[in-house]
Amino acid sequence: MVSPPAPAPLNCRWPLLSLALLAAPAAHAQSLAGLQQAAIRCFNGTTPADCSAAMGLSHQLKTRADAETELRCYTALLGLESRLSLSMQGHGSIDRDHRSLKETIFECRGLNPS
C-alpha cells in the first residue's frame, strides 16, 4: 500500500501565502471595477449572465463591507442589487440604475486599496 505524500513543510507555504495576501487589495479593486462593468452590461440588457455576475460581485463586496463595518457601502450595494434584480426582470430605469451604480462606486471607494 502506497502512503500519501508528506505535506510540504510550513516554510515552503509562506511564499504562496505572502503572494496571495499581496494580491488581495488588487483583487478587491478589480472586484469594484468588475462590478461596475457587469452592472452596466446588465442595465444595458446584454445577457442575464451579466446580471448574475454583477449580483455575485456585489455579494462578495457586501461581505467585505460588512467585515470592515462600511455600512454606507453595504447599504448602497443592497440598493444596487435591487436595481439589478429589476433590470433582470425587464423593469429597470436607466437613469435610476446608473445613479444607483454611481452612488455605490462612491460609497464603496473605501474598499479599494489606498
N, C-alpha and C. Protein backbone atom coordinates (compact mmCIF):
# COMPACT_ATOMS: atom_id res chain seq x y z
N MET A 1 0.84 -1.17 0.00
CA MET A 1 0.00 0.00 0.00
C MET A 1 0.89 1.24 0.00
N VAL A 2 0.59 2.17 -0.87
CA VAL A 2 1.39 3.37 -1.01
C VAL A 2 0.83 4.44 -0.08
N SER A 3 1.74 5.04 0.67
CA SER A 3 1.29 6.11 1.59
C SER A 3 1.23 7.43 0.84
N PRO A 4 0.32 8.33 1.25
CA PRO A 4 0.21 9.63 0.57
C PRO A 4 1.47 10.45 0.79
N PRO A 5 1.77 11.34 -0.15
CA PRO A 5 2.97 12.17 0.00
C PRO A 5 2.85 13.06 1.24
N ALA A 6 3.99 13.29 1.83
CA ALA A 6 4.03 14.15 3.02
C ALA A 6 3.72 15.58 2.61
N PRO A 7 2.99 16.32 3.46
CA PRO A 7 2.70 17.72 3.12
C PRO A 7 3.98 18.54 3.09
N ALA A 8 3.95 19.58 2.29
CA ALA A 8 5.11 20.46 2.19
C ALA A 8 5.36 21.12 3.54
N PRO A 9 6.62 21.31 3.89
CA PRO A 9 6.91 21.99 5.15
C PRO A 9 6.27 23.36 5.17
N LEU A 10 5.93 23.83 6.35
CA LEU A 10 5.24 25.10 6.51
C LEU A 10 6.01 26.25 5.88
N ASN A 11 7.34 26.24 6.02
CA ASN A 11 8.12 27.35 5.49
C ASN A 11 8.07 27.41 3.96
N CYS A 12 7.72 26.30 3.29
CA CYS A 12 7.57 26.32 1.84
C CYS A 12 6.24 26.94 1.42
N ARG A 13 5.28 26.96 2.33
CA ARG A 13 3.96 27.52 2.02
C ARG A 13 3.93 29.03 2.18
N TRP A 14 4.80 29.61 2.97
CA TRP A 14 4.75 31.04 3.23
C TRP A 14 4.88 31.89 1.98
N PRO A 15 5.76 31.57 1.03
CA PRO A 15 5.82 32.42 -0.16
C PRO A 15 4.48 32.48 -0.90
N LEU A 16 3.79 31.36 -0.98
CA LEU A 16 2.48 31.35 -1.65
C LEU A 16 1.46 32.17 -0.87
N LEU A 17 1.47 32.04 0.46
CA LEU A 17 0.55 32.81 1.29
C LEU A 17 0.85 34.29 1.17
N SER A 18 2.12 34.65 1.19
CA SER A 18 2.50 36.05 1.06
C SER A 18 2.06 36.62 -0.28
N LEU A 19 2.22 35.84 -1.33
CA LEU A 19 1.80 36.28 -2.65
C LEU A 19 0.29 36.49 -2.69
N ALA A 20 -0.45 35.59 -2.08
CA ALA A 20 -1.91 35.72 -2.05
C ALA A 20 -2.33 36.96 -1.27
N LEU A 21 -1.67 37.23 -0.17
CA LEU A 21 -2.01 38.40 0.64
C LEU A 21 -1.67 39.70 -0.08
N LEU A 22 -0.59 39.71 -0.83
CA LEU A 22 -0.22 40.90 -1.58
C LEU A 22 -1.18 41.15 -2.72
N ALA A 23 -1.72 40.10 -3.30
CA ALA A 23 -2.65 40.25 -4.42
C ALA A 23 -4.05 40.62 -3.97
N ALA A 24 -4.37 40.43 -2.70
CA ALA A 24 -5.73 40.67 -2.21
C ALA A 24 -6.23 42.09 -2.44
N PRO A 25 -5.48 43.16 -2.11
CA PRO A 25 -6.00 44.51 -2.35
C PRO A 25 -6.29 44.77 -3.82
N ALA A 26 -5.44 44.29 -4.70
CA ALA A 26 -5.67 44.47 -6.13
C ALA A 26 -6.93 43.74 -6.57
N ALA A 27 -7.15 42.56 -6.01
CA ALA A 27 -8.36 41.80 -6.36
C ALA A 27 -9.61 42.55 -5.93
N HIS A 28 -9.57 43.20 -4.77
CA HIS A 28 -10.75 43.94 -4.32
C HIS A 28 -11.01 45.14 -5.21
N ALA A 29 -9.95 45.82 -5.65
CA ALA A 29 -10.12 46.94 -6.56
C ALA A 29 -10.72 46.45 -7.88
N GLN A 30 -10.25 45.31 -8.34
CA GLN A 30 -10.78 44.74 -9.56
C GLN A 30 -12.23 44.32 -9.37
N SER A 31 -12.59 43.88 -8.17
CA SER A 31 -13.97 43.49 -7.91
C SER A 31 -14.91 44.66 -8.08
N LEU A 32 -14.52 45.83 -7.58
CA LEU A 32 -15.35 47.02 -7.71
C LEU A 32 -15.44 47.45 -9.17
N ALA A 33 -14.32 47.42 -9.88
CA ALA A 33 -14.33 47.75 -11.31
C ALA A 33 -15.12 46.70 -12.09
N GLY A 34 -14.96 45.44 -11.71
CA GLY A 34 -15.70 44.37 -12.36
C GLY A 34 -17.20 44.50 -12.11
N LEU A 35 -17.56 44.89 -10.89
CA LEU A 35 -18.97 45.12 -10.57
C LEU A 35 -19.52 46.22 -11.47
N GLN A 36 -18.78 47.29 -11.60
CA GLN A 36 -19.23 48.41 -12.43
C GLN A 36 -19.46 47.96 -13.87
N GLN A 37 -18.52 47.21 -14.42
CA GLN A 37 -18.64 46.76 -15.81
C GLN A 37 -19.81 45.80 -15.98
N ALA A 38 -19.93 44.83 -15.07
CA ALA A 38 -21.02 43.85 -15.17
C ALA A 38 -22.38 44.52 -14.98
N ALA A 39 -22.47 45.48 -14.06
CA ALA A 39 -23.74 46.17 -13.82
C ALA A 39 -24.15 46.97 -15.06
N ILE A 40 -23.21 47.63 -15.68
CA ILE A 40 -23.52 48.41 -16.89
C ILE A 40 -24.03 47.48 -17.98
N ARG A 41 -23.36 46.33 -18.14
CA ARG A 41 -23.82 45.36 -19.15
C ARG A 41 -25.22 44.86 -18.80
N CYS A 42 -25.48 44.61 -17.52
CA CYS A 42 -26.79 44.16 -17.08
C CYS A 42 -27.85 45.22 -17.38
N PHE A 43 -27.56 46.46 -17.02
CA PHE A 43 -28.51 47.54 -17.24
C PHE A 43 -28.78 47.77 -18.72
N ASN A 44 -27.78 47.50 -19.55
CA ASN A 44 -27.95 47.69 -21.00
C ASN A 44 -28.62 46.48 -21.64
N GLY A 45 -28.96 45.48 -20.84
CA GLY A 45 -29.72 44.34 -21.35
C GLY A 45 -28.91 43.36 -22.17
N THR A 46 -27.61 43.24 -21.90
CA THR A 46 -26.77 42.34 -22.69
C THR A 46 -27.21 40.89 -22.51
N THR A 47 -27.01 40.32 -21.32
CA THR A 47 -27.42 38.94 -21.05
C THR A 47 -27.75 38.78 -19.57
N PRO A 48 -28.57 37.78 -19.25
CA PRO A 48 -28.82 37.50 -17.84
C PRO A 48 -27.55 37.12 -17.08
N ALA A 49 -26.58 36.55 -17.79
CA ALA A 49 -25.32 36.17 -17.15
C ALA A 49 -24.59 37.40 -16.61
N ASP A 50 -24.70 38.53 -17.30
CA ASP A 50 -24.08 39.76 -16.81
C ASP A 50 -24.72 40.21 -15.50
N CYS A 51 -26.03 40.07 -15.41
CA CYS A 51 -26.72 40.44 -14.17
C CYS A 51 -26.32 39.49 -13.04
N SER A 52 -26.22 38.21 -13.36
CA SER A 52 -25.80 37.24 -12.34
C SER A 52 -24.37 37.52 -11.88
N ALA A 53 -23.50 37.86 -12.81
CA ALA A 53 -22.12 38.19 -12.45
C ALA A 53 -22.08 39.42 -11.55
N ALA A 54 -22.87 40.43 -11.88
CA ALA A 54 -22.91 41.64 -11.07
C ALA A 54 -23.45 41.34 -9.67
N MET A 55 -24.47 40.50 -9.59
CA MET A 55 -25.03 40.12 -8.28
C MET A 55 -23.98 39.37 -7.45
N GLY A 56 -23.23 38.48 -8.08
CA GLY A 56 -22.19 37.74 -7.37
C GLY A 56 -21.09 38.65 -6.85
N LEU A 57 -20.65 39.58 -7.67
CA LEU A 57 -19.61 40.52 -7.24
C LEU A 57 -20.14 41.42 -6.13
N SER A 58 -21.39 41.83 -6.25
CA SER A 58 -21.99 42.66 -5.21
C SER A 58 -22.03 41.91 -3.88
N HIS A 59 -22.38 40.64 -3.94
CA HIS A 59 -22.42 39.84 -2.71
C HIS A 59 -21.03 39.76 -2.06
N GLN A 60 -20.00 39.55 -2.88
CA GLN A 60 -18.63 39.49 -2.35
C GLN A 60 -18.26 40.82 -1.69
N LEU A 61 -18.59 41.91 -2.34
CA LEU A 61 -18.26 43.22 -1.79
C LEU A 61 -19.08 43.51 -0.54
N LYS A 62 -20.33 43.05 -0.49
CA LYS A 62 -21.15 43.23 0.72
C LYS A 62 -20.52 42.51 1.89
N THR A 63 -20.01 41.32 1.66
CA THR A 63 -19.35 40.56 2.73
C THR A 63 -18.15 41.34 3.25
N ARG A 64 -17.38 41.89 2.35
CA ARG A 64 -16.21 42.67 2.76
C ARG A 64 -16.62 43.96 3.47
N ALA A 65 -17.65 44.64 2.94
CA ALA A 65 -18.13 45.87 3.56
C ALA A 65 -18.64 45.60 4.97
N ASP A 66 -19.31 44.48 5.14
CA ASP A 66 -19.80 44.11 6.47
C ASP A 66 -18.63 43.86 7.42
N ALA A 67 -17.63 43.15 6.96
CA ALA A 67 -16.47 42.85 7.80
C ALA A 67 -15.71 44.11 8.19
N GLU A 68 -15.70 45.10 7.31
CA GLU A 68 -14.98 46.34 7.57
C GLU A 68 -15.89 47.43 8.15
N THR A 69 -17.10 47.08 8.48
CA THR A 69 -18.11 48.00 9.02
C THR A 69 -18.30 49.22 8.12
N GLU A 70 -18.30 48.99 6.83
CA GLU A 70 -18.57 50.04 5.84
C GLU A 70 -20.06 49.99 5.53
N LEU A 71 -20.86 50.53 6.45
CA LEU A 71 -22.31 50.37 6.35
C LEU A 71 -22.92 51.16 5.19
N ARG A 72 -22.37 52.31 4.87
CA ARG A 72 -22.90 53.07 3.73
C ARG A 72 -22.66 52.32 2.43
N CYS A 73 -21.51 51.70 2.32
CA CYS A 73 -21.20 50.88 1.15
C CYS A 73 -22.15 49.68 1.09
N TYR A 74 -22.32 49.01 2.23
CA TYR A 74 -23.19 47.85 2.31
C TYR A 74 -24.61 48.22 1.86
N THR A 75 -25.10 49.34 2.35
CA THR A 75 -26.45 49.79 2.00
C THR A 75 -26.55 50.13 0.52
N ALA A 76 -25.53 50.79 0.00
CA ALA A 76 -25.52 51.13 -1.43
C ALA A 76 -25.53 49.86 -2.28
N LEU A 77 -24.79 48.85 -1.85
CA LEU A 77 -24.77 47.58 -2.58
C LEU A 77 -26.14 46.91 -2.55
N LEU A 78 -26.84 47.00 -1.42
CA LEU A 78 -28.20 46.46 -1.36
C LEU A 78 -29.11 47.15 -2.37
N GLY A 79 -29.00 48.48 -2.43
CA GLY A 79 -29.79 49.23 -3.40
C GLY A 79 -29.45 48.86 -4.83
N LEU A 80 -28.16 48.69 -5.10
CA LEU A 80 -27.74 48.31 -6.45
C LEU A 80 -28.29 46.93 -6.80
N GLU A 81 -28.28 46.02 -5.83
CA GLU A 81 -28.82 44.68 -6.10
C GLU A 81 -30.30 44.73 -6.44
N SER A 82 -31.03 45.63 -5.81
CA SER A 82 -32.45 45.75 -6.15
C SER A 82 -32.61 46.27 -7.58
N ARG A 83 -31.74 47.21 -7.98
CA ARG A 83 -31.79 47.73 -9.36
C ARG A 83 -31.40 46.64 -10.35
N LEU A 84 -30.40 45.82 -10.00
CA LEU A 84 -30.01 44.70 -10.87
C LEU A 84 -31.15 43.71 -11.02
N SER A 85 -31.83 43.42 -9.91
CA SER A 85 -32.95 42.49 -9.93
C SER A 85 -34.07 43.01 -10.83
N LEU A 86 -34.39 44.30 -10.70
CA LEU A 86 -35.42 44.88 -11.56
C LEU A 86 -35.01 44.83 -13.02
N SER A 87 -33.75 45.08 -13.28
CA SER A 87 -33.24 45.04 -14.65
C SER A 87 -33.34 43.63 -15.21
N MET A 88 -33.04 42.63 -14.39
CA MET A 88 -33.14 41.23 -14.83
C MET A 88 -34.57 40.89 -15.24
N GLN A 89 -35.53 41.53 -14.58
CA GLN A 89 -36.94 41.27 -14.86
C GLN A 89 -37.48 42.16 -15.97
N GLY A 90 -36.63 43.02 -16.51
CA GLY A 90 -37.05 43.90 -17.59
C GLY A 90 -37.77 45.16 -17.11
N HIS A 91 -37.61 45.50 -15.83
CA HIS A 91 -38.29 46.67 -15.28
C HIS A 91 -37.32 47.75 -14.81
N GLY A 92 -36.15 47.78 -15.40
CA GLY A 92 -35.15 48.75 -14.99
C GLY A 92 -35.46 50.15 -15.49
N SER A 93 -34.80 51.10 -14.89
CA SER A 93 -34.87 52.50 -15.32
C SER A 93 -33.43 52.97 -15.47
N ILE A 94 -33.03 53.22 -16.70
CA ILE A 94 -31.63 53.55 -16.98
C ILE A 94 -31.11 54.65 -16.07
N ASP A 95 -31.86 55.73 -15.91
CA ASP A 95 -31.40 56.84 -15.06
C ASP A 95 -31.20 56.39 -13.62
N ARG A 96 -32.21 55.74 -13.05
CA ARG A 96 -32.10 55.28 -11.66
C ARG A 96 -31.02 54.23 -11.50
N ASP A 97 -30.93 53.33 -12.48
CA ASP A 97 -29.92 52.26 -12.41
C ASP A 97 -28.51 52.86 -12.37
N HIS A 98 -28.25 53.79 -13.25
CA HIS A 98 -26.92 54.38 -13.32
C HIS A 98 -26.63 55.28 -12.11
N ARG A 99 -27.64 55.95 -11.58
CA ARG A 99 -27.44 56.73 -10.34
C ARG A 99 -27.09 55.81 -9.19
N SER A 100 -27.78 54.68 -9.11
CA SER A 100 -27.51 53.72 -8.04
C SER A 100 -26.08 53.17 -8.17
N LEU A 101 -25.67 52.87 -9.38
CA LEU A 101 -24.31 52.37 -9.61
C LEU A 101 -23.28 53.43 -9.23
N LYS A 102 -23.53 54.67 -9.64
CA LYS A 102 -22.60 55.77 -9.33
C LYS A 102 -22.49 55.95 -7.81
N GLU A 103 -23.62 55.91 -7.11
CA GLU A 103 -23.61 56.05 -5.65
C GLU A 103 -22.85 54.88 -5.00
N THR A 104 -23.04 53.69 -5.52
CA THR A 104 -22.36 52.51 -4.96
C THR A 104 -20.86 52.64 -5.12
N ILE A 105 -20.40 53.03 -6.30
CA ILE A 105 -18.97 53.20 -6.53
C ILE A 105 -18.42 54.25 -5.58
N PHE A 106 -19.16 55.35 -5.39
CA PHE A 106 -18.72 56.40 -4.48
C PHE A 106 -18.64 55.89 -3.03
N GLU A 107 -19.69 55.25 -2.57
CA GLU A 107 -19.74 54.79 -1.18
C GLU A 107 -18.76 53.65 -0.89
N CYS A 108 -18.42 52.89 -1.91
CA CYS A 108 -17.54 51.74 -1.69
C CYS A 108 -16.09 52.02 -2.06
N ARG A 109 -15.77 53.26 -2.33
CA ARG A 109 -14.38 53.59 -2.68
C ARG A 109 -13.42 53.25 -1.56
N GLY A 110 -13.89 53.22 -0.32
CA GLY A 110 -13.05 52.85 0.81
C GLY A 110 -12.62 51.40 0.81
N LEU A 111 -13.28 50.57 -0.01
CA LEU A 111 -12.89 49.17 -0.10
C LEU A 111 -11.69 48.99 -1.02
N ASN A 112 -11.37 50.01 -1.80
CA ASN A 112 -10.21 49.95 -2.68
C ASN A 112 -8.94 50.20 -1.89
N PRO A 113 -7.84 49.64 -2.34
CA PRO A 113 -6.57 49.96 -1.67
C PRO A 113 -6.25 51.44 -1.86
N SER A 114 -5.59 52.03 -0.87
CA SER A 114 -5.28 53.46 -0.96
C SER A 114 -4.06 53.71 -1.81
